All heavy atoms as atom14 arrays in JSON, in Angstrom:
{
  "sequence": "GGGASVLAVVGGRWAVLGILFVHMVLAVEGLLWRAARVSSDVLVWLL",
  "atom14_mask": [
    [1, 1, 1, 1, 0, 0, 0, 0, 0, 0, 0, 0, 0, 0],
    [1, 1, 1, 1, 0, 0, 0, 0, 0, 0, 0, 0, 0, 0],
    [1, 1, 1, 1, 0, 0, 0, 0, 0, 0, 0, 0, 0, 0],
    [1, 1, 1, 1, 1, 0, 0, 0, 0, 0, 0, 0, 0, 0],
    [1, 1, 1, 1, 1, 1, 0, 0, 0, 0, 0, 0, 0, 0],
    [1, 1, 1, 1, 1, 1, 1, 0, 0, 0, 0, 0, 0, 0],
    [1, 1, 1, 1, 1, 1, 1, 1, 0, 0, 0, 0, 0, 0],
    [1, 1, 1, 1, 1, 0, 0, 0, 0, 0, 0, 0, 0, 0],
    [1, 1, 1, 1, 1, 1, 1, 0, 0, 0, 0, 0, 0, 0],
    [1, 1, 1, 1, 1, 1, 1, 0, 0, 0, 0, 0, 0, 0],
    [1, 1, 1, 1, 0, 0, 0, 0, 0, 0, 0, 0, 0, 0],
    [1, 1, 1, 1, 0, 0, 0, 0, 0, 0, 0, 0, 0, 0],
    [1, 1, 1, 1, 1, 1, 1, 1, 1, 1, 1, 0, 0, 0],
    [1, 1, 1, 1, 1, 1, 1, 1, 1, 1, 1, 1, 1, 1],
    [1, 1, 1, 1, 1, 0, 0, 0, 0, 0, 0, 0, 0, 0],
    [1, 1, 1, 1, 1, 1, 1, 0, 0, 0, 0, 0, 0, 0],
    [1, 1, 1, 1, 1, 1, 1, 1, 0, 0, 0, 0, 0, 0],
    [1, 1, 1, 1, 0, 0, 0, 0, 0, 0, 0, 0, 0, 0],
    [1, 1, 1, 1, 1, 1, 1, 1, 0, 0, 0, 0, 0, 0],
    [1, 1, 1, 1, 1, 1, 1, 1, 0, 0, 0, 0, 0, 0],
    [1, 1, 1, 1, 1, 1, 1, 1, 1, 1, 1, 0, 0, 0],
    [1, 1, 1, 1, 1, 1, 1, 0, 0, 0, 0, 0, 0, 0],
    [1, 1, 1, 1, 1, 1, 1, 1, 1, 1, 0, 0, 0, 0],
    [1, 1, 1, 1, 1, 1, 1, 1, 0, 0, 0, 0, 0, 0],
    [1, 1, 1, 1, 1, 1, 1, 0, 0, 0, 0, 0, 0, 0],
    [1, 1, 1, 1, 1, 1, 1, 1, 0, 0, 0, 0, 0, 0],
    [1, 1, 1, 1, 1, 0, 0, 0, 0, 0, 0, 0, 0, 0],
    [1, 1, 1, 1, 1, 1, 1, 0, 0, 0, 0, 0, 0, 0],
    [1, 1, 1, 1, 1, 1, 1, 1, 1, 0, 0, 0, 0, 0],
    [1, 1, 1, 1, 0, 0, 0, 0, 0, 0, 0, 0, 0, 0],
    [1, 1, 1, 1, 1, 1, 1, 1, 0, 0, 0, 0, 0, 0],
    [1, 1, 1, 1, 1, 1, 1, 1, 0, 0, 0, 0, 0, 0],
    [1, 1, 1, 1, 1, 1, 1, 1, 1, 1, 1, 1, 1, 1],
    [1, 1, 1, 1, 1, 1, 1, 1, 1, 1, 1, 0, 0, 0],
    [1, 1, 1, 1, 1, 0, 0, 0, 0, 0, 0, 0, 0, 0],
    [1, 1, 1, 1, 1, 0, 0, 0, 0, 0, 0, 0, 0, 0],
    [1, 1, 1, 1, 1, 1, 1, 1, 1, 1, 1, 0, 0, 0],
    [1, 1, 1, 1, 1, 1, 1, 0, 0, 0, 0, 0, 0, 0],
    [1, 1, 1, 1, 1, 1, 0, 0, 0, 0, 0, 0, 0, 0],
    [1, 1, 1, 1, 1, 1, 0, 0, 0, 0, 0, 0, 0, 0],
    [1, 1, 1, 1, 1, 1, 1, 1, 0, 0, 0, 0, 0, 0],
    [1, 1, 1, 1, 1, 1, 1, 0, 0, 0, 0, 0, 0, 0],
    [1, 1, 1, 1, 1, 1, 1, 1, 0, 0, 0, 0, 0, 0],
    [1, 1, 1, 1, 1, 1, 1, 0, 0, 0, 0, 0, 0, 0],
    [1, 1, 1, 1, 1, 1, 1, 1, 1, 1, 1, 1, 1, 1],
    [1, 1, 1, 1, 1, 1, 1, 1, 0, 0, 0, 0, 0, 0],
    [1, 1, 1, 1, 1, 1, 1, 1, 0, 0, 0, 0, 0, 0]
  ],
  "atom14_positions": [
    [[198.53, 154.15, 125.0], [197.27, 153.9, 125.72], [196.84, 155.1, 126.55], [195.67, 155.51, 126.54], [0.0, 0.0, 0.0], [0.0, 0.0, 0.0], [0.0, 0.0, 0.0], [0.0, 0.0, 0.0], [0.0, 0.0, 0.0], [0.0, 0.0, 0.0], [0.0, 0.0, 0.0], [0.0, 0.0, 0.0], [0.0, 0.0, 0.0], [0.0, 0.0, 0.0]],
    [[197.8, 155.7, 127.25], [197.49, 156.87, 128.06], [197.04, 158.05, 127.18], [196.1, 158.77, 127.53], [0.0, 0.0, 0.0], [0.0, 0.0, 0.0], [0.0, 0.0, 0.0], [0.0, 0.0, 0.0], [0.0, 0.0, 0.0], [0.0, 0.0, 0.0], [0.0, 0.0, 0.0], [0.0, 0.0, 0.0], [0.0, 0.0, 0.0], [0.0, 0.0, 0.0]],
    [[197.69, 158.22, 126.06], [197.31, 159.29, 125.13], [195.89, 159.08, 124.61], [195.12, 160.05, 124.47], [0.0, 0.0, 0.0], [0.0, 0.0, 0.0], [0.0, 0.0, 0.0], [0.0, 0.0, 0.0], [0.0, 0.0, 0.0], [0.0, 0.0, 0.0], [0.0, 0.0, 0.0], [0.0, 0.0, 0.0], [0.0, 0.0, 0.0], [0.0, 0.0, 0.0]],
    [[195.54, 157.84, 124.31], [194.18, 157.55, 123.81], [193.13, 157.84, 124.89], [192.07, 158.39, 124.59], [194.09, 156.08, 123.38], [0.0, 0.0, 0.0], [0.0, 0.0, 0.0], [0.0, 0.0, 0.0], [0.0, 0.0, 0.0], [0.0, 0.0, 0.0], [0.0, 0.0, 0.0], [0.0, 0.0, 0.0], [0.0, 0.0, 0.0], [0.0, 0.0, 0.0]],
    [[193.44, 157.51, 126.13], [192.5, 157.79, 127.23], [192.27, 159.28, 127.39], [191.13, 159.75, 127.51], [193.02, 157.2, 128.55], [192.88, 155.8, 128.57], [0.0, 0.0, 0.0], [0.0, 0.0, 0.0], [0.0, 0.0, 0.0], [0.0, 0.0, 0.0], [0.0, 0.0, 0.0], [0.0, 0.0, 0.0], [0.0, 0.0, 0.0], [0.0, 0.0, 0.0]],
    [[193.36, 160.04, 127.38], [193.25, 161.49, 127.51], [192.45, 162.07, 126.33], [191.59, 162.93, 126.51], [194.64, 162.15, 127.58], [194.54, 163.66, 127.51], [195.33, 161.74, 128.88], [0.0, 0.0, 0.0], [0.0, 0.0, 0.0], [0.0, 0.0, 0.0], [0.0, 0.0, 0.0], [0.0, 0.0, 0.0], [0.0, 0.0, 0.0], [0.0, 0.0, 0.0]],
    [[192.77, 161.6, 125.13], [192.06, 162.08, 123.94], [190.57, 161.77, 124.02], [189.73, 162.63, 123.66], [192.65, 161.42, 122.71], [192.08, 161.85, 121.34], [192.32, 163.33, 121.1], [192.71, 161.01, 120.22], [0.0, 0.0, 0.0], [0.0, 0.0, 0.0], [0.0, 0.0, 0.0], [0.0, 0.0, 0.0], [0.0, 0.0, 0.0], [0.0, 0.0, 0.0]],
    [[190.22, 160.58, 124.5], [188.81, 160.21, 124.6], [188.07, 161.1, 125.58], [186.92, 161.5, 125.33], [188.69, 158.74, 125.02], [0.0, 0.0, 0.0], [0.0, 0.0, 0.0], [0.0, 0.0, 0.0], [0.0, 0.0, 0.0], [0.0, 0.0, 0.0], [0.0, 0.0, 0.0], [0.0, 0.0, 0.0], [0.0, 0.0, 0.0], [0.0, 0.0, 0.0]],
    [[188.7, 161.42, 126.71], [188.07, 162.24, 127.74], [187.96, 163.69, 127.29], [186.91, 164.34, 127.43], [188.84, 162.14, 129.07], [188.3, 163.15, 130.08], [188.71, 160.73, 129.64], [0.0, 0.0, 0.0], [0.0, 0.0, 0.0], [0.0, 0.0, 0.0], [0.0, 0.0, 0.0], [0.0, 0.0, 0.0], [0.0, 0.0, 0.0], [0.0, 0.0, 0.0]],
    [[189.04, 164.21, 126.73], [189.07, 165.63, 126.33], [188.3, 165.86, 125.03], [187.61, 166.87, 124.88], [190.54, 166.08, 126.17], [190.59, 167.51, 125.63], [191.25, 166.03, 127.53], [0.0, 0.0, 0.0], [0.0, 0.0, 0.0], [0.0, 0.0, 0.0], [0.0, 0.0, 0.0], [0.0, 0.0, 0.0], [0.0, 0.0, 0.0], [0.0, 0.0, 0.0]],
    [[188.43, 164.95, 124.07], [187.87, 165.17, 122.74], [186.42, 164.8, 122.6], [185.8, 165.15, 121.58], [0.0, 0.0, 0.0], [0.0, 0.0, 0.0], [0.0, 0.0, 0.0], [0.0, 0.0, 0.0], [0.0, 0.0, 0.0], [0.0, 0.0, 0.0], [0.0, 0.0, 0.0], [0.0, 0.0, 0.0], [0.0, 0.0, 0.0], [0.0, 0.0, 0.0]],
    [[185.85, 164.08, 123.56], [184.43, 163.76, 123.48], [184.1, 162.74, 122.42], [184.92, 161.91, 122.01], [0.0, 0.0, 0.0], [0.0, 0.0, 0.0], [0.0, 0.0, 0.0], [0.0, 0.0, 0.0], [0.0, 0.0, 0.0], [0.0, 0.0, 0.0], [0.0, 0.0, 0.0], [0.0, 0.0, 0.0], [0.0, 0.0, 0.0], [0.0, 0.0, 0.0]],
    [[182.86, 162.81, 121.91], [182.33, 161.79, 121.01], [183.17, 161.6, 119.76], [183.43, 160.47, 119.34], [180.91, 162.12, 120.61], [180.3, 161.13, 119.61], [178.86, 161.47, 119.26], [178.36, 160.59, 118.22], [177.91, 159.34, 118.39], [177.94, 158.83, 119.61], [177.48, 158.63, 117.38], [0.0, 0.0, 0.0], [0.0, 0.0, 0.0], [0.0, 0.0, 0.0]],
    [[183.62, 162.68, 119.13], [184.38, 162.55, 117.88], [185.73, 161.89, 118.09], [186.19, 161.13, 117.26], [184.51, 163.9, 117.19], [183.2, 164.38, 116.63], [182.41, 165.37, 117.1], [182.5, 163.81, 115.51], [181.27, 165.45, 116.36], [181.29, 164.53, 115.36], [182.79, 162.77, 114.61], [180.38, 164.24, 114.35], [181.87, 162.5, 113.6], [180.69, 163.23, 113.48]],
    [[186.33, 162.16, 119.24], [187.59, 161.5, 119.55], [187.38, 160.01, 119.79], [188.14, 159.16, 119.31], [188.24, 162.14, 120.78], [0.0, 0.0, 0.0], [0.0, 0.0, 0.0], [0.0, 0.0, 0.0], [0.0, 0.0, 0.0], [0.0, 0.0, 0.0], [0.0, 0.0, 0.0], [0.0, 0.0, 0.0], [0.0, 0.0, 0.0], [0.0, 0.0, 0.0]],
    [[186.3, 159.68, 120.49], [185.97, 158.26, 120.71], [185.7, 157.56, 119.4], [186.19, 156.45, 119.16], [184.72, 158.15, 121.65], [184.24, 156.71, 121.7], [185.07, 158.63, 123.05], [0.0, 0.0, 0.0], [0.0, 0.0, 0.0], [0.0, 0.0, 0.0], [0.0, 0.0, 0.0], [0.0, 0.0, 0.0], [0.0, 0.0, 0.0], [0.0, 0.0, 0.0]],
    [[184.96, 158.23, 118.51], [184.69, 157.65, 117.19], [185.99, 157.42, 116.41], [186.16, 156.39, 115.73], [183.76, 158.56, 116.39], [182.27, 158.47, 116.75], [181.5, 159.6, 116.04], [181.69, 157.13, 116.4], [0.0, 0.0, 0.0], [0.0, 0.0, 0.0], [0.0, 0.0, 0.0], [0.0, 0.0, 0.0], [0.0, 0.0, 0.0], [0.0, 0.0, 0.0]],
    [[186.92, 158.38, 116.49], [188.2, 158.23, 115.81], [188.99, 157.05, 116.32], [189.55, 156.24, 115.56], [0.0, 0.0, 0.0], [0.0, 0.0, 0.0], [0.0, 0.0, 0.0], [0.0, 0.0, 0.0], [0.0, 0.0, 0.0], [0.0, 0.0, 0.0], [0.0, 0.0, 0.0], [0.0, 0.0, 0.0], [0.0, 0.0, 0.0], [0.0, 0.0, 0.0]],
    [[189.05, 156.91, 117.66], [189.79, 155.79, 118.27], [189.15, 154.45, 117.88], [189.84, 153.5, 117.51], [189.8, 155.94, 119.81], [190.64, 157.16, 120.2], [190.34, 154.68, 120.48], [190.49, 157.58, 121.65], [0.0, 0.0, 0.0], [0.0, 0.0, 0.0], [0.0, 0.0, 0.0], [0.0, 0.0, 0.0], [0.0, 0.0, 0.0], [0.0, 0.0, 0.0]],
    [[187.82, 154.42, 117.92], [187.13, 153.18, 117.55], [187.33, 152.86, 116.07], [187.59, 151.7, 115.71], [185.63, 153.3, 117.84], [185.22, 153.3, 119.32], [183.72, 153.5, 119.44], [185.63, 152.01, 119.99], [0.0, 0.0, 0.0], [0.0, 0.0, 0.0], [0.0, 0.0, 0.0], [0.0, 0.0, 0.0], [0.0, 0.0, 0.0], [0.0, 0.0, 0.0]],
    [[187.24, 153.86, 115.21], [187.41, 153.62, 113.77], [188.77, 153.03, 113.46], [188.88, 152.01, 112.75], [187.23, 154.94, 113.0], [187.65, 154.84, 111.54], [186.93, 154.07, 110.64], [188.79, 155.5, 111.1], [187.33, 153.96, 109.32], [189.19, 155.4, 109.78], [188.45, 154.65, 108.87], [0.0, 0.0, 0.0], [0.0, 0.0, 0.0], [0.0, 0.0, 0.0]],
    [[189.83, 153.62, 113.97], [191.17, 153.13, 113.71], [191.31, 151.67, 114.16], [191.82, 150.82, 113.42], [192.24, 154.01, 114.43], [193.6, 153.34, 114.41], [192.31, 155.38, 113.77], [0.0, 0.0, 0.0], [0.0, 0.0, 0.0], [0.0, 0.0, 0.0], [0.0, 0.0, 0.0], [0.0, 0.0, 0.0], [0.0, 0.0, 0.0], [0.0, 0.0, 0.0]],
    [[190.82, 151.38, 115.35], [191.01, 150.03, 115.88], [190.04, 149.02, 115.28], [190.38, 147.82, 115.19], [190.93, 150.06, 117.42], [192.11, 150.71, 118.04], [192.16, 152.07, 118.3], [193.32, 150.23, 118.41], [193.32, 152.38, 118.83], [194.05, 151.29, 118.91], [0.0, 0.0, 0.0], [0.0, 0.0, 0.0], [0.0, 0.0, 0.0], [0.0, 0.0, 0.0]],
    [[188.85, 149.47, 114.84], [187.98, 148.53, 114.15], [188.58, 148.12, 112.8], [188.52, 146.96, 112.41], [186.59, 149.17, 113.92], [185.76, 149.41, 115.16], [185.56, 147.97, 116.25], [186.68, 148.44, 117.6], [0.0, 0.0, 0.0], [0.0, 0.0, 0.0], [0.0, 0.0, 0.0], [0.0, 0.0, 0.0], [0.0, 0.0, 0.0], [0.0, 0.0, 0.0]],
    [[189.17, 149.08, 112.07], [189.82, 148.76, 110.8], [190.96, 147.78, 111.04], [191.1, 146.77, 110.32], [190.34, 150.03, 110.11], [191.24, 149.66, 108.92], [189.18, 150.89, 109.63], [0.0, 0.0, 0.0], [0.0, 0.0, 0.0], [0.0, 0.0, 0.0], [0.0, 0.0, 0.0], [0.0, 0.0, 0.0], [0.0, 0.0, 0.0], [0.0, 0.0, 0.0]],
    [[191.78, 148.02, 112.06], [192.88, 147.13, 112.35], [192.38, 145.75, 112.79], [192.98, 144.71, 112.43], [193.77, 147.74, 113.44], [194.54, 148.99, 113.05], [195.35, 149.52, 114.23], [195.48, 148.72, 111.87], [0.0, 0.0, 0.0], [0.0, 0.0, 0.0], [0.0, 0.0, 0.0], [0.0, 0.0, 0.0], [0.0, 0.0, 0.0], [0.0, 0.0, 0.0]],
    [[191.28, 145.73, 113.53], [190.72, 144.44, 113.96], [190.24, 143.62, 112.75], [190.45, 142.41, 112.69], [189.58, 144.65, 114.96], [0.0, 0.0, 0.0], [0.0, 0.0, 0.0], [0.0, 0.0, 0.0], [0.0, 0.0, 0.0], [0.0, 0.0, 0.0], [0.0, 0.0, 0.0], [0.0, 0.0, 0.0], [0.0, 0.0, 0.0], [0.0, 0.0, 0.0]],
    [[189.62, 144.31, 111.79], [189.2, 143.61, 110.57], [190.41, 143.09, 109.83], [190.43, 141.93, 109.36], [188.4, 144.57, 109.66], [188.17, 143.95, 108.27], [187.07, 144.94, 110.31], [0.0, 0.0, 0.0], [0.0, 0.0, 0.0], [0.0, 0.0, 0.0], [0.0, 0.0, 0.0], [0.0, 0.0, 0.0], [0.0, 0.0, 0.0], [0.0, 0.0, 0.0]],
    [[191.46, 143.9, 109.71], [192.67, 143.47, 109.01], [193.33, 142.27, 109.69], [193.89, 141.41, 109.03], [193.67, 144.63, 108.94], [193.25, 145.8, 108.06], [193.46, 145.52, 106.58], [193.97, 144.44, 106.24], [193.09, 146.39, 105.77], [0.0, 0.0, 0.0], [0.0, 0.0, 0.0], [0.0, 0.0, 0.0], [0.0, 0.0, 0.0], [0.0, 0.0, 0.0]],
    [[193.23, 142.23, 111.02], [193.88, 141.14, 111.74], [193.03, 139.89, 111.87], [193.48, 138.78, 111.58], [0.0, 0.0, 0.0], [0.0, 0.0, 0.0], [0.0, 0.0, 0.0], [0.0, 0.0, 0.0], [0.0, 0.0, 0.0], [0.0, 0.0, 0.0], [0.0, 0.0, 0.0], [0.0, 0.0, 0.0], [0.0, 0.0, 0.0], [0.0, 0.0, 0.0]],
    [[191.77, 140.06, 112.3], [190.91, 138.91, 112.58], [190.29, 138.34, 111.32], [190.05, 137.14, 111.22], [189.82, 139.32, 113.58], [190.29, 139.74, 114.96], [189.09, 140.22, 115.79], [191.01, 138.61, 115.68], [0.0, 0.0, 0.0], [0.0, 0.0, 0.0], [0.0, 0.0, 0.0], [0.0, 0.0, 0.0], [0.0, 0.0, 0.0], [0.0, 0.0, 0.0]],
    [[190.01, 139.2, 110.35], [189.38, 138.75, 109.11], [190.36, 138.95, 107.95], [189.99, 139.41, 106.87], [188.1, 139.54, 108.83], [187.03, 139.48, 109.94], [185.83, 140.36, 109.59], [186.55, 138.05, 110.19], [0.0, 0.0, 0.0], [0.0, 0.0, 0.0], [0.0, 0.0, 0.0], [0.0, 0.0, 0.0], [0.0, 0.0, 0.0], [0.0, 0.0, 0.0]],
    [[191.6, 138.57, 108.17], [192.66, 138.95, 107.23], [192.46, 138.35, 105.84], [192.79, 138.98, 104.84], [194.01, 138.55, 107.8], [194.22, 137.07, 107.99], [193.77, 136.32, 109.01], [194.9, 136.19, 107.09], [194.14, 135.02, 108.87], [194.84, 134.9, 107.7], [195.57, 136.35, 105.9], [195.42, 133.79, 107.1], [196.16, 135.25, 105.3], [196.07, 133.98, 105.91]],
    [[191.9, 137.16, 105.76], [191.69, 136.57, 104.44], [190.69, 137.37, 103.61], [190.9, 137.67, 102.45], [191.21, 135.13, 104.57], [192.27, 134.15, 105.08], [191.76, 132.72, 105.04], [192.68, 131.8, 105.67], [193.72, 131.25, 105.06], [193.95, 131.55, 103.8], [194.53, 130.41, 105.69], [0.0, 0.0, 0.0], [0.0, 0.0, 0.0], [0.0, 0.0, 0.0]],
    [[189.59, 137.74, 104.28], [188.58, 138.55, 103.6], [189.11, 139.95, 103.29], [188.84, 140.52, 102.23], [187.31, 138.64, 104.44], [0.0, 0.0, 0.0], [0.0, 0.0, 0.0], [0.0, 0.0, 0.0], [0.0, 0.0, 0.0], [0.0, 0.0, 0.0], [0.0, 0.0, 0.0], [0.0, 0.0, 0.0], [0.0, 0.0, 0.0], [0.0, 0.0, 0.0]],
    [[189.87, 140.52, 104.25], [190.4, 141.88, 104.04], [191.37, 141.94, 102.89], [191.44, 142.94, 102.16], [191.06, 142.36, 105.34], [0.0, 0.0, 0.0], [0.0, 0.0, 0.0], [0.0, 0.0, 0.0], [0.0, 0.0, 0.0], [0.0, 0.0, 0.0], [0.0, 0.0, 0.0], [0.0, 0.0, 0.0], [0.0, 0.0, 0.0], [0.0, 0.0, 0.0]],
    [[192.15, 140.86, 102.68], [193.13, 140.85, 101.61], [192.49, 140.93, 100.23], [193.04, 141.53, 99.3], [193.98, 139.58, 101.7], [194.97, 139.57, 102.85], [196.18, 140.45, 102.57], [197.08, 140.5, 103.71], [198.05, 139.62, 103.91], [198.24, 138.61, 103.06], [198.86, 139.74, 104.96], [0.0, 0.0, 0.0], [0.0, 0.0, 0.0], [0.0, 0.0, 0.0]],
    [[191.3, 140.32, 100.09], [190.66, 140.29, 98.77], [189.62, 141.4, 98.62], [189.02, 141.55, 97.55], [190.0, 138.92, 98.51], [191.06, 137.82, 98.51], [188.9, 138.62, 99.53], [0.0, 0.0, 0.0], [0.0, 0.0, 0.0], [0.0, 0.0, 0.0], [0.0, 0.0, 0.0], [0.0, 0.0, 0.0], [0.0, 0.0, 0.0], [0.0, 0.0, 0.0]],
    [[189.37, 142.18, 99.68], [188.42, 143.27, 99.61], [189.18, 144.57, 99.32], [190.37, 144.68, 99.55], [187.66, 143.41, 100.94], [186.94, 142.25, 101.24], [0.0, 0.0, 0.0], [0.0, 0.0, 0.0], [0.0, 0.0, 0.0], [0.0, 0.0, 0.0], [0.0, 0.0, 0.0], [0.0, 0.0, 0.0], [0.0, 0.0, 0.0], [0.0, 0.0, 0.0]],
    [[188.45, 145.56, 98.86], [189.07, 146.87, 98.66], [189.23, 147.57, 99.99], [188.51, 147.31, 100.94], [188.21, 147.73, 97.72], [187.02, 148.12, 98.39], [0.0, 0.0, 0.0], [0.0, 0.0, 0.0], [0.0, 0.0, 0.0], [0.0, 0.0, 0.0], [0.0, 0.0, 0.0], [0.0, 0.0, 0.0], [0.0, 0.0, 0.0], [0.0, 0.0, 0.0]],
    [[190.2, 148.47, 100.06], [190.42, 149.24, 101.28], [189.17, 150.01, 101.66], [188.85, 150.13, 102.84], [191.59, 150.21, 101.09], [192.92, 149.51, 101.01], [193.0, 148.35, 101.46], [193.9, 150.11, 100.52], [0.0, 0.0, 0.0], [0.0, 0.0, 0.0], [0.0, 0.0, 0.0], [0.0, 0.0, 0.0], [0.0, 0.0, 0.0], [0.0, 0.0, 0.0]],
    [[188.45, 150.52, 100.67], [187.27, 151.34, 100.96], [186.23, 150.52, 101.7], [185.59, 151.0, 102.66], [186.69, 151.92, 99.66], [185.36, 152.64, 99.94], [187.68, 152.87, 99.0], [0.0, 0.0, 0.0], [0.0, 0.0, 0.0], [0.0, 0.0, 0.0], [0.0, 0.0, 0.0], [0.0, 0.0, 0.0], [0.0, 0.0, 0.0], [0.0, 0.0, 0.0]],
    [[186.03, 149.26, 101.31], [185.06, 148.4, 102.0], [185.46, 148.15, 103.45], [184.62, 148.16, 104.34], [184.92, 147.08, 101.25], [184.16, 147.12, 99.92], [184.17, 145.74, 99.27], [182.74, 147.59, 100.12], [0.0, 0.0, 0.0], [0.0, 0.0, 0.0], [0.0, 0.0, 0.0], [0.0, 0.0, 0.0], [0.0, 0.0, 0.0], [0.0, 0.0, 0.0]],
    [[186.76, 147.93, 103.67], [187.25, 147.73, 105.03], [187.04, 148.99, 105.86], [186.6, 148.94, 107.02], [188.73, 147.32, 105.03], [189.28, 147.23, 106.46], [188.91, 145.98, 104.33], [0.0, 0.0, 0.0], [0.0, 0.0, 0.0], [0.0, 0.0, 0.0], [0.0, 0.0, 0.0], [0.0, 0.0, 0.0], [0.0, 0.0, 0.0], [0.0, 0.0, 0.0]],
    [[187.34, 150.15, 105.28], [187.14, 151.42, 105.99], [185.67, 151.67, 106.3], [185.33, 152.15, 107.4], [187.69, 152.59, 105.18], [189.16, 152.46, 104.9], [190.08, 151.73, 105.59], [189.88, 153.13, 103.84], [191.33, 151.87, 105.02], [191.25, 152.71, 103.96], [189.52, 154.01, 102.81], [192.22, 153.13, 103.07], [190.51, 154.43, 101.93], [191.84, 154.03, 102.06]],
    [[184.8, 151.34, 105.35], [183.36, 151.52, 105.58], [182.88, 150.6, 106.71], [182.08, 151.03, 107.56], [182.57, 151.23, 104.31], [182.6, 152.28, 103.23], [181.92, 151.81, 101.96], [181.95, 153.59, 103.71], [0.0, 0.0, 0.0], [0.0, 0.0, 0.0], [0.0, 0.0, 0.0], [0.0, 0.0, 0.0], [0.0, 0.0, 0.0], [0.0, 0.0, 0.0]],
    [[183.38, 149.38, 106.73], [183.02, 148.46, 107.82], [183.52, 148.98, 109.15], [182.82, 148.95, 110.15], [183.61, 147.07, 107.53], [183.36, 145.99, 108.61], [181.86, 145.81, 108.83], [184.0, 144.67, 108.21], [0.0, 0.0, 0.0], [0.0, 0.0, 0.0], [0.0, 0.0, 0.0], [0.0, 0.0, 0.0], [0.0, 0.0, 0.0], [0.0, 0.0, 0.0]]
  ]
}
């Protein structure tokens, strides 16, 4: 968590986008796991 905070502050918008992307993909995999299982990885990444 501390590393993510430092990265967000130092890295600016692109770092924030990277942190959000990783966690949005994981949130889809966890919260929408039934849909994620039958979808392609590319669709989950695009979402």
